[in-house]
Amino acid sequence: MSIEVGSKLQGKVTGITNFGAFVELPEGSTGLVHISEVADNYVKDINDHLKVGDAVEVKVINVEKDGKIGLSIKKAKDKPEGQPQSSYSQRPRQGRGNDSRSKDSRSKTSFQPKENFEQKMTRFLKDSEDRLTSLKRSTETKRGGRGGRRG
């Protein structure tokens, strides 16, 4: 049985690094499951998902000319239709106890009514002009007036 892109295989985790896990495949070849291909949700620490010696089902996603084999655990799982492949936008917010942004500042922007393109563009231009005016004022006071040169 040769290793082809798209095939699902059983393997055994032989090594773990901070960027992924090495999996031994049938026939003695080894492939890499990148950390982004371990689970559907965000993986901060691969050790929370895999251990050396674990038996895993993987899908071959690419085979390089130099023999490197790219594998995916999340693509090997059969999903019901209509479910997104990746859900990074839904990843849990953990370990952010003393976040400088409060919940209130995040909720203010998330509950505004939908804006159309013209409203967004108008708001962007106003904000941009305000910032530019503020920057010009700051720069002019440091230079000593409008275009003043030091002699």
Protein backbone atom coordinates (compact mmCIF):
# COMPACT_ATOMS: atom_id res chain seq x y z
CA MET A 1 0.00 0.00 0.00
CA SER A 2 1.66 3.20 -1.16
CA ILE A 3 1.15 6.53 0.55
CA GLU A 4 -0.97 8.79 -1.65
CA VAL A 5 -2.51 12.20 -1.07
CA GLY A 6 -6.04 11.81 0.28
CA SER A 7 -5.57 8.37 1.81
CA LYS A 8 -6.43 7.72 5.45
CA LEU A 9 -3.96 5.67 7.48
CA GLN A 10 -3.42 4.48 11.03
CA GLY A 11 -0.21 5.70 12.63
CA LYS A 12 1.61 6.00 15.92
CA VAL A 13 2.94 9.26 17.40
CA THR A 14 6.73 8.90 17.69
CA GLY A 15 7.73 12.45 18.56
CA ILE A 16 6.27 15.80 19.57
CA THR A 17 7.71 19.24 18.90
CA ASN A 18 6.35 22.74 19.49
CA PHE A 19 5.23 22.90 15.83
CA GLY A 20 3.66 19.46 15.42
CA ALA A 21 3.91 15.72 15.89
CA PHE A 22 5.79 13.04 13.96
CA VAL A 23 3.70 10.00 13.14
CA GLU A 24 5.07 6.63 12.05
CA LEU A 25 3.01 5.23 9.20
CA PRO A 26 2.72 1.69 7.84
CA GLU A 27 5.79 0.53 5.89
CA GLY A 28 8.02 2.43 8.35
CA SER A 29 7.72 5.90 6.81
CA THR A 30 7.23 8.97 9.01
CA GLY A 31 5.09 12.04 8.40
CA LEU A 32 4.47 15.31 10.20
CA VAL A 33 1.14 16.53 11.55
CA HIS A 34 1.51 20.30 11.82
CA ILE A 35 0.02 21.81 15.00
CA SER A 36 -2.67 23.53 12.88
CA GLU A 37 -3.81 20.13 11.61
CA VAL A 38 -4.23 18.45 15.03
CA ALA A 39 -7.73 19.65 15.98
CA ASP A 40 -10.58 21.81 14.68
CA ASN A 41 -10.13 24.32 17.48
CA TYR A 42 -7.07 26.42 18.32
CA VAL A 43 -4.19 24.32 19.68
CA LYS A 44 -1.89 26.30 21.96
CA ASP A 45 0.00 23.30 23.35
CA ILE A 46 0.10 20.12 21.29
CA ASN A 47 0.80 18.09 24.44
CA ASP A 48 -2.81 18.73 25.51
CA HIS A 49 -3.97 16.72 22.48
CA LEU A 50 -1.29 14.10 21.75
CA LYS A 51 1.23 11.97 23.61
CA VAL A 52 4.11 9.87 22.28
CA GLY A 53 2.80 6.37 21.62
CA ASP A 54 -0.79 7.43 20.80
CA ALA A 55 -2.43 5.59 17.91
CA VAL A 56 -4.01 8.12 15.54
CA GLU A 57 -5.89 8.12 12.25
CA VAL A 58 -4.34 10.58 9.80
CA LYS A 59 -5.05 11.77 6.29
CA VAL A 60 -2.20 12.39 3.85
CA ILE A 61 -2.48 16.00 2.67
CA ASN A 62 0.76 16.25 0.69
CA VAL A 63 3.84 14.28 -0.30
CA GLU A 64 6.91 16.32 -1.22
CA LYS A 65 9.43 15.29 -3.86
CA ASP A 66 12.09 14.90 -1.18
CA GLY A 67 9.91 12.34 0.64
CA LYS A 68 8.40 14.56 3.35
CA ILE A 69 4.82 13.59 4.14
CA GLY A 70 2.29 16.14 5.41
CA LEU A 71 -0.48 14.69 7.55
CA SER A 72 -3.72 15.91 9.14
CA ILE A 73 -5.65 14.46 12.07
CA LYS A 74 -8.56 16.89 11.81
CA LYS A 75 -9.14 16.14 8.11
CA ALA A 76 -9.13 12.40 8.83
CA LYS A 77 -12.28 12.79 10.93
CA ASP A 78 -15.53 12.48 8.99
CA LYS A 79 -17.62 15.62 9.41
CA PRO A 80 -21.33 16.07 8.75
CA GLU A 81 -22.00 18.29 5.75
CA GLY A 82 -22.42 22.00 6.38
CA GLN A 83 -19.91 22.11 9.23
CA PRO A 84 -16.90 24.39 8.70
CA GLN A 85 -13.48 22.76 8.32
CA SER A 86 -11.81 25.13 10.75
CA SER A 87 -13.27 27.10 13.63
CA TYR A 88 -10.48 29.44 14.72
CA SER A 89 -13.02 32.23 15.23
CA GLN A 90 -14.71 30.12 17.89
CA ARG A 91 -11.62 29.25 19.87
CA PRO A 92 -11.95 29.55 23.63
CA ARG A 93 -10.50 32.56 25.40
CA GLN A 94 -8.48 31.03 28.20
CA GLY A 95 -5.67 32.34 30.32
CA ARG A 96 -6.54 35.99 29.84
CA GLY A 97 -7.30 36.86 33.45
CA ASN A 98 -5.81 40.36 33.49
CA ASP A 99 -6.57 41.38 29.94
CA SER A 100 -6.19 45.12 29.38
CA ARG A 101 -9.41 45.15 27.34
CA SER A 102 -12.48 44.76 29.47
CA LYS A 103 -15.59 42.86 28.45
CA ASP A 104 -17.40 46.19 28.20
CA SER A 105 -15.05 47.57 25.54
CA ARG A 106 -15.47 44.44 23.42
CA SER A 107 -19.24 44.35 23.75
CA LYS A 108 -19.68 47.97 22.64
CA THR A 109 -18.44 47.17 19.14
CA SER A 110 -20.12 43.78 18.83
CA PHE A 111 -23.69 44.98 19.43
CA GLN A 112 -23.79 47.90 16.97
CA PRO A 113 -26.32 47.61 14.14
CA LYS A 114 -24.94 46.52 10.77
CA GLU A 115 -23.43 49.35 8.75
CA ASN A 116 -23.54 49.53 5.01
CA PHE A 117 -20.41 50.29 3.01
CA GLU A 118 -21.05 54.04 2.72
CA GLN A 119 -21.52 54.39 6.50
CA LYS A 120 -18.33 52.46 7.18
CA MET A 121 -16.42 54.55 4.64
CA THR A 122 -17.75 57.83 6.08
CA ARG A 123 -16.79 56.75 9.62
CA PHE A 124 -13.34 55.65 8.43
CA LEU A 125 -12.68 58.96 6.62
CA LYS A 126 -13.78 60.99 9.65
CA ASP A 127 -11.56 58.96 11.99
CA SER A 128 -8.69 59.19 9.55
CA GLU A 129 -8.99 62.97 9.20
CA ASP A 130 -9.18 63.37 12.99
CA ARG A 131 -6.01 61.34 13.43
CA LEU A 132 -4.22 63.22 10.66
CA THR A 133 -5.21 66.61 12.17
CA SER A 134 -3.99 65.50 15.59
CA LEU A 135 -0.71 64.27 14.10
CA LYS A 136 -0.16 67.54 12.21
CA ARG A 137 -0.79 69.59 15.36
CA SER A 138 1.67 67.48 17.31
CA THR A 139 4.32 67.73 14.59
CA GLU A 140 3.92 71.50 14.13
CA THR A 141 4.38 72.22 17.83
CA LYS A 142 7.59 70.21 17.85
CA ARG A 143 8.94 72.09 14.82
CA GLY A 144 7.99 75.50 16.11
CA GLY A 145 5.16 76.40 13.77
CA ARG A 146 4.19 75.81 10.17
CA GLY A 147 7.27 74.88 8.22
CA GLY A 148 9.61 76.89 10.38
CA ARG A 149 13.27 76.16 9.80
CA ARG A 150 16.02 76.31 12.30
CA GLY A 151 19.04 78.22 11.26
